[in-house]
Amino acid sequence: MAEDLTIGEALAGQPEAVVGFLSLGAGIEGTIERVDGELPQSHAVLEYQRLKALFGAYGHTMPVASRKRLEAEIAVLEPQWAAYQEQGDLVTVRVRWDNGFVVDNAHQAILTPL
């Protein structure tokens, strides 16, 4: 878990739905049982990531013409990357923590992959 999670906070805006309080500390481990809404990466998204990594690692050493061509290729793929990033917030998971608790529909941002 990447950060402390308080279930009461997870239901903010619906105080009548809170019937108890559970606090899970950062660092607790568990098993992901289900991932909902995971978006497959298209070829354009994978290519954007590859080119961006290439530019970040070697862009400063490239000849000017090659660097400009790479920047142009990245710019062409930018809209697909932006669209993928906007939809990425849809991912939720069901996690069974080692202490026996189950959290369903948790946003992936609260978790840290091993």
N, C-alpha and C. Protein backbone atom coordinates (compact mmCIF):
# COMPACT_ATOMS: atom_id res chain seq x y z
N MET A 1 0.84 -1.16 0.00
CA MET A 1 0.00 0.00 0.00
C MET A 1 0.88 1.23 0.00
N ALA A 2 0.57 2.17 -0.85
CA ALA A 2 1.41 3.34 -1.03
C ALA A 2 1.18 4.41 0.02
N GLU A 3 0.00 4.47 0.57
CA GLU A 3 -0.32 5.52 1.54
C GLU A 3 -1.35 4.98 2.52
N ASP A 4 -1.49 5.65 3.65
CA ASP A 4 -2.51 5.25 4.61
C ASP A 4 -3.88 5.42 3.98
N LEU A 5 -4.77 4.50 4.25
CA LEU A 5 -6.13 4.56 3.72
C LEU A 5 -7.10 4.47 4.87
N THR A 6 -8.00 5.40 4.92
CA THR A 6 -9.07 5.39 5.89
C THR A 6 -10.37 5.21 5.12
N ILE A 7 -11.08 4.15 5.38
CA ILE A 7 -12.28 3.85 4.61
C ILE A 7 -13.31 4.97 4.74
N GLY A 8 -13.41 5.60 5.87
CA GLY A 8 -14.33 6.72 6.03
C GLY A 8 -14.05 7.82 5.02
N GLU A 9 -12.77 8.06 4.73
CA GLU A 9 -12.40 9.05 3.72
C GLU A 9 -12.76 8.57 2.33
N ALA A 10 -12.69 7.27 2.09
CA ALA A 10 -12.99 6.71 0.78
C ALA A 10 -14.45 6.92 0.41
N LEU A 11 -15.31 7.11 1.40
CA LEU A 11 -16.74 7.31 1.16
C LEU A 11 -17.16 8.75 1.37
N ALA A 12 -16.23 9.67 1.26
CA ALA A 12 -16.54 11.09 1.48
C ALA A 12 -17.65 11.52 0.54
N GLY A 13 -18.52 12.35 1.03
CA GLY A 13 -19.67 12.81 0.24
C GLY A 13 -20.90 11.96 0.46
N GLN A 14 -20.72 10.80 1.09
CA GLN A 14 -21.85 9.92 1.42
C GLN A 14 -21.75 9.51 2.88
N PRO A 15 -21.82 10.46 3.80
CA PRO A 15 -21.60 10.12 5.21
C PRO A 15 -22.60 9.11 5.75
N GLU A 16 -23.79 9.05 5.17
CA GLU A 16 -24.77 8.08 5.65
C GLU A 16 -24.35 6.64 5.34
N ALA A 17 -23.39 6.45 4.40
CA ALA A 17 -22.95 5.11 4.02
C ALA A 17 -21.89 4.56 4.98
N VAL A 18 -21.32 5.40 5.81
CA VAL A 18 -20.27 4.95 6.72
C VAL A 18 -20.91 4.30 7.94
N VAL A 19 -20.57 3.03 8.15
CA VAL A 19 -21.10 2.32 9.31
C VAL A 19 -20.00 1.91 10.27
N GLY A 20 -18.78 2.22 9.90
CA GLY A 20 -17.66 1.87 10.75
C GLY A 20 -16.42 2.60 10.27
N PHE A 21 -15.31 2.24 10.86
CA PHE A 21 -14.06 2.91 10.53
C PHE A 21 -12.97 1.86 10.46
N LEU A 22 -12.21 1.87 9.37
CA LEU A 22 -11.10 0.94 9.20
C LEU A 22 -9.90 1.74 8.71
N SER A 23 -8.78 1.53 9.33
CA SER A 23 -7.56 2.22 8.93
C SER A 23 -6.51 1.18 8.59
N LEU A 24 -5.98 1.27 7.36
CA LEU A 24 -4.91 0.38 6.92
C LEU A 24 -3.66 1.21 6.73
N GLY A 25 -2.58 0.81 7.34
CA GLY A 25 -1.34 1.58 7.27
C GLY A 25 -0.55 1.30 6.01
N ALA A 26 0.19 2.30 5.59
CA ALA A 26 1.07 2.14 4.43
C ALA A 26 2.05 1.02 4.70
N GLY A 27 2.36 0.24 3.68
CA GLY A 27 3.31 -0.84 3.83
C GLY A 27 2.67 -2.21 4.01
N ILE A 28 1.38 -2.25 4.27
CA ILE A 28 0.71 -3.55 4.41
C ILE A 28 0.73 -4.24 3.06
N GLU A 29 0.87 -5.56 3.06
CA GLU A 29 0.93 -6.32 1.82
C GLU A 29 -0.33 -7.13 1.63
N GLY A 30 -0.63 -7.43 0.38
CA GLY A 30 -1.80 -8.22 0.06
C GLY A 30 -1.70 -8.80 -1.34
N THR A 31 -2.78 -9.43 -1.76
CA THR A 31 -2.84 -10.06 -3.07
C THR A 31 -3.95 -9.41 -3.88
N ILE A 32 -3.63 -8.99 -5.08
CA ILE A 32 -4.65 -8.43 -5.97
C ILE A 32 -5.44 -9.58 -6.55
N GLU A 33 -6.74 -9.58 -6.29
CA GLU A 33 -7.62 -10.65 -6.77
C GLU A 33 -8.27 -10.31 -8.11
N ARG A 34 -8.47 -9.02 -8.37
CA ARG A 34 -9.16 -8.63 -9.60
C ARG A 34 -8.76 -7.21 -9.97
N VAL A 35 -8.64 -6.96 -11.26
CA VAL A 35 -8.38 -5.62 -11.78
C VAL A 35 -9.51 -5.28 -12.73
N ASP A 36 -10.19 -4.18 -12.47
CA ASP A 36 -11.30 -3.74 -13.32
C ASP A 36 -10.93 -2.48 -14.06
N GLY A 37 -11.28 -2.43 -15.32
CA GLY A 37 -11.09 -1.22 -16.09
C GLY A 37 -9.70 -1.05 -16.64
N GLU A 38 -8.87 -2.06 -16.54
CA GLU A 38 -7.52 -1.93 -17.05
C GLU A 38 -7.57 -1.76 -18.56
N LEU A 39 -6.91 -0.74 -19.03
CA LEU A 39 -6.94 -0.43 -20.45
C LEU A 39 -5.72 -1.02 -21.13
N PRO A 40 -5.93 -1.80 -22.19
CA PRO A 40 -4.77 -2.33 -22.90
C PRO A 40 -4.03 -1.19 -23.60
N GLN A 41 -2.75 -1.32 -23.68
CA GLN A 41 -1.95 -0.29 -24.34
C GLN A 41 -1.93 -0.56 -25.84
N SER A 42 -2.31 0.43 -26.61
CA SER A 42 -2.30 0.31 -28.06
C SER A 42 -0.87 0.37 -28.56
N HIS A 43 -0.70 0.04 -29.83
CA HIS A 43 0.63 0.12 -30.44
C HIS A 43 1.16 1.55 -30.36
N ALA A 44 0.29 2.53 -30.58
CA ALA A 44 0.71 3.94 -30.53
C ALA A 44 1.20 4.32 -29.13
N VAL A 45 0.53 3.85 -28.10
CA VAL A 45 0.93 4.15 -26.72
C VAL A 45 2.28 3.49 -26.41
N LEU A 46 2.43 2.24 -26.80
CA LEU A 46 3.70 1.55 -26.58
C LEU A 46 4.84 2.24 -27.33
N GLU A 47 4.57 2.66 -28.56
CA GLU A 47 5.59 3.35 -29.35
C GLU A 47 5.94 4.70 -28.74
N TYR A 48 4.94 5.42 -28.25
CA TYR A 48 5.20 6.70 -27.58
C TYR A 48 6.13 6.49 -26.38
N GLN A 49 5.83 5.48 -25.56
CA GLN A 49 6.66 5.21 -24.38
C GLN A 49 8.09 4.86 -24.79
N ARG A 50 8.21 4.05 -25.84
CA ARG A 50 9.54 3.65 -26.30
C ARG A 50 10.34 4.86 -26.80
N LEU A 51 9.69 5.67 -27.64
CA LEU A 51 10.38 6.83 -28.20
C LEU A 51 10.72 7.87 -27.13
N LYS A 52 9.81 8.06 -26.19
CA LYS A 52 10.05 9.02 -25.11
C LYS A 52 11.24 8.56 -24.24
N ALA A 53 11.32 7.26 -23.98
CA ALA A 53 12.44 6.73 -23.21
C ALA A 53 13.74 6.89 -23.99
N LEU A 54 13.68 6.62 -25.28
CA LEU A 54 14.86 6.79 -26.13
C LEU A 54 15.32 8.24 -26.12
N PHE A 55 14.38 9.16 -26.25
CA PHE A 55 14.71 10.59 -26.24
C PHE A 55 15.29 11.00 -24.89
N GLY A 56 14.68 10.52 -23.81
CA GLY A 56 15.18 10.87 -22.48
C GLY A 56 16.58 10.35 -22.22
N ALA A 57 16.87 9.16 -22.72
CA ALA A 57 18.17 8.54 -22.45
C ALA A 57 19.27 9.03 -23.39
N TYR A 58 18.92 9.23 -24.66
CA TYR A 58 19.96 9.52 -25.65
C TYR A 58 19.74 10.80 -26.46
N GLY A 59 18.66 11.51 -26.22
CA GLY A 59 18.35 12.71 -26.99
C GLY A 59 19.45 13.74 -26.98
N HIS A 60 20.08 13.91 -25.84
CA HIS A 60 21.14 14.92 -25.73
C HIS A 60 22.40 14.56 -26.52
N THR A 61 22.56 13.28 -26.90
CA THR A 61 23.73 12.86 -27.66
C THR A 61 23.46 12.72 -29.15
N MET A 62 22.21 12.88 -29.57
CA MET A 62 21.85 12.69 -30.98
C MET A 62 22.23 13.89 -31.82
N PRO A 63 22.53 13.64 -33.11
CA PRO A 63 22.69 14.76 -34.03
C PRO A 63 21.39 15.56 -34.09
N VAL A 64 21.50 16.82 -34.41
CA VAL A 64 20.35 17.73 -34.38
C VAL A 64 19.21 17.21 -35.27
N ALA A 65 19.52 16.76 -36.48
CA ALA A 65 18.48 16.29 -37.40
C ALA A 65 17.75 15.06 -36.84
N SER A 66 18.50 14.13 -36.27
CA SER A 66 17.89 12.93 -35.68
C SER A 66 17.01 13.30 -34.49
N ARG A 67 17.50 14.21 -33.66
CA ARG A 67 16.74 14.62 -32.49
C ARG A 67 15.43 15.30 -32.91
N LYS A 68 15.48 16.15 -33.93
CA LYS A 68 14.27 16.83 -34.41
C LYS A 68 13.28 15.83 -34.99
N ARG A 69 13.78 14.83 -35.72
CA ARG A 69 12.90 13.80 -36.28
C ARG A 69 12.23 13.00 -35.16
N LEU A 70 13.00 12.67 -34.14
CA LEU A 70 12.45 11.94 -32.99
C LEU A 70 11.41 12.78 -32.26
N GLU A 71 11.69 14.06 -32.07
CA GLU A 71 10.72 14.96 -31.43
C GLU A 71 9.43 15.03 -32.25
N ALA A 72 9.55 15.04 -33.57
CA ALA A 72 8.37 15.08 -34.44
C ALA A 72 7.55 13.80 -34.31
N GLU A 73 8.23 12.66 -34.26
CA GLU A 73 7.53 11.38 -34.10
C GLU A 73 6.80 11.33 -32.76
N ILE A 74 7.44 11.82 -31.72
CA ILE A 74 6.81 11.86 -30.40
C ILE A 74 5.59 12.77 -30.42
N ALA A 75 5.71 13.92 -31.07
CA ALA A 75 4.59 14.87 -31.14
C ALA A 75 3.39 14.28 -31.86
N VAL A 76 3.62 13.46 -32.88
CA VAL A 76 2.53 12.82 -33.61
C VAL A 76 1.77 11.85 -32.70
N LEU A 77 2.48 11.18 -31.82
CA LEU A 77 1.85 10.19 -30.93
C LEU A 77 1.29 10.80 -29.64
N GLU A 78 1.57 12.06 -29.40
CA GLU A 78 1.14 12.72 -28.17
C GLU A 78 -0.37 12.65 -27.93
N PRO A 79 -1.24 12.85 -28.94
CA PRO A 79 -2.69 12.77 -28.68
C PRO A 79 -3.15 11.40 -28.19
N GLN A 80 -2.59 10.33 -28.77
CA GLN A 80 -2.96 8.98 -28.32
C GLN A 80 -2.50 8.75 -26.89
N TRP A 81 -1.31 9.25 -26.56
CA TRP A 81 -0.80 9.12 -25.19
C TRP A 81 -1.68 9.88 -24.21
N ALA A 82 -2.06 11.11 -24.58
CA ALA A 82 -2.90 11.92 -23.70
C ALA A 82 -4.26 11.25 -23.47
N ALA A 83 -4.83 10.68 -24.53
CA ALA A 83 -6.12 9.99 -24.40
C ALA A 83 -5.99 8.77 -23.49
N TYR A 84 -4.90 8.05 -23.63
CA TYR A 84 -4.67 6.88 -22.78
C TYR A 84 -4.51 7.30 -21.32
N GLN A 85 -3.78 8.38 -21.07
CA GLN A 85 -3.59 8.86 -19.72
C GLN A 85 -4.90 9.30 -19.08
N GLU A 86 -5.76 9.94 -19.84
CA GLU A 86 -7.06 10.37 -19.31
C GLU A 86 -7.91 9.18 -18.90
N GLN A 87 -7.87 8.12 -19.66
CA GLN A 87 -8.67 6.93 -19.35
C GLN A 87 -8.04 6.06 -18.28
N GLY A 88 -6.76 6.25 -18.00
CA GLY A 88 -6.07 5.41 -17.04
C GLY A 88 -6.62 5.48 -15.63
N ASP A 89 -7.35 6.54 -15.30
CA ASP A 89 -7.91 6.69 -13.96
C ASP A 89 -9.06 5.73 -13.69
N LEU A 90 -9.46 4.95 -14.68
CA LEU A 90 -10.59 4.06 -14.51
C LEU A 90 -10.23 2.75 -13.82
N VAL A 91 -8.96 2.51 -13.58
CA VAL A 91 -8.53 1.22 -13.05
C VAL A 91 -8.79 1.15 -11.55
N THR A 92 -9.51 0.10 -11.15
CA THR A 92 -9.72 -0.20 -9.74
C THR A 92 -9.36 -1.66 -9.50
N VAL A 93 -9.09 -1.99 -8.26
CA VAL A 93 -8.68 -3.35 -7.93
C VAL A 93 -9.42 -3.87 -6.70
N ARG A 94 -9.45 -5.18 -6.59
CA ARG A 94 -9.94 -5.84 -5.38
C ARG A 94 -8.71 -6.49 -4.76
N VAL A 95 -8.43 -6.13 -3.50
CA VAL A 95 -7.23 -6.61 -2.83
C VAL A 95 -7.62 -7.34 -1.56
N ARG A 96 -7.02 -8.50 -1.37
CA ARG A 96 -7.15 -9.24 -0.10
C ARG A 96 -5.85 -9.04 0.65
N TRP A 97 -5.93 -8.28 1.76
CA TRP A 97 -4.75 -7.97 2.54
C TRP A 97 -4.33 -9.17 3.37
N ASP A 98 -3.06 -9.22 3.72
CA ASP A 98 -2.54 -10.34 4.49
C ASP A 98 -3.20 -10.49 5.84
N ASN A 99 -3.82 -9.43 6.36
CA ASN A 99 -4.50 -9.52 7.64
C ASN A 99 -5.95 -10.00 7.49
N GLY A 100 -6.36 -10.34 6.25
CA GLY A 100 -7.69 -10.89 6.02
C GLY A 100 -8.71 -9.91 5.48
N PHE A 101 -8.47 -8.63 5.57
CA PHE A 101 -9.41 -7.64 5.05
C PHE A 101 -9.41 -7.66 3.53
N VAL A 102 -10.56 -7.33 2.97
CA VAL A 102 -10.70 -7.21 1.52
C VAL A 102 -11.17 -5.81 1.21
N VAL A 103 -10.49 -5.14 0.29
CA VAL A 103 -10.89 -3.81 -0.18
C VAL A 103 -11.20 -3.96 -1.67
N ASP A 104 -12.43 -3.61 -2.03
CA ASP A 104 -12.87 -3.74 -3.42
C ASP A 104 -13.04 -2.35 -4.02
N ASN A 105 -12.84 -2.24 -5.31
CA ASN A 105 -12.95 -0.98 -6.05
C ASN A 105 -12.01 0.10 -5.53
N ALA A 106 -10.83 -0.32 -5.09
CA ALA A 106 -9.81 0.63 -4.64
C ALA A 106 -9.08 1.17 -5.86
N HIS A 107 -8.85 2.47 -5.89
CA HIS A 107 -8.12 3.07 -7.00
C HIS A 107 -6.68 2.60 -6.98
N GLN A 108 -6.13 2.31 -8.15
CA GLN A 108 -4.78 1.77 -8.22
C GLN A 108 -3.72 2.70 -7.63
N ALA A 109 -3.99 3.97 -7.53
CA ALA A 109 -2.99 4.93 -7.04
C ALA A 109 -2.63 4.69 -5.57
N ILE A 110 -3.50 4.01 -4.81
CA ILE A 110 -3.16 3.79 -3.39
C ILE A 110 -2.25 2.58 -3.22
N LEU A 111 -1.95 1.87 -4.30
CA LEU A 111 -1.15 0.66 -4.20
C LEU A 111 0.25 0.88 -4.77
N THR A 112 1.21 0.15 -4.23
CA THR A 112 2.57 0.19 -4.72
C THR A 112 2.91 -1.20 -5.24
N PRO A 113 3.22 -1.32 -6.55
CA PRO A 113 3.57 -2.65 -7.06
C PRO A 113 4.93 -3.10 -6.54
N LEU A 114 5.08 -4.39 -6.37
CA LEU A 114 6.37 -4.94 -5.90
C LEU A 114 7.28 -5.17 -7.06
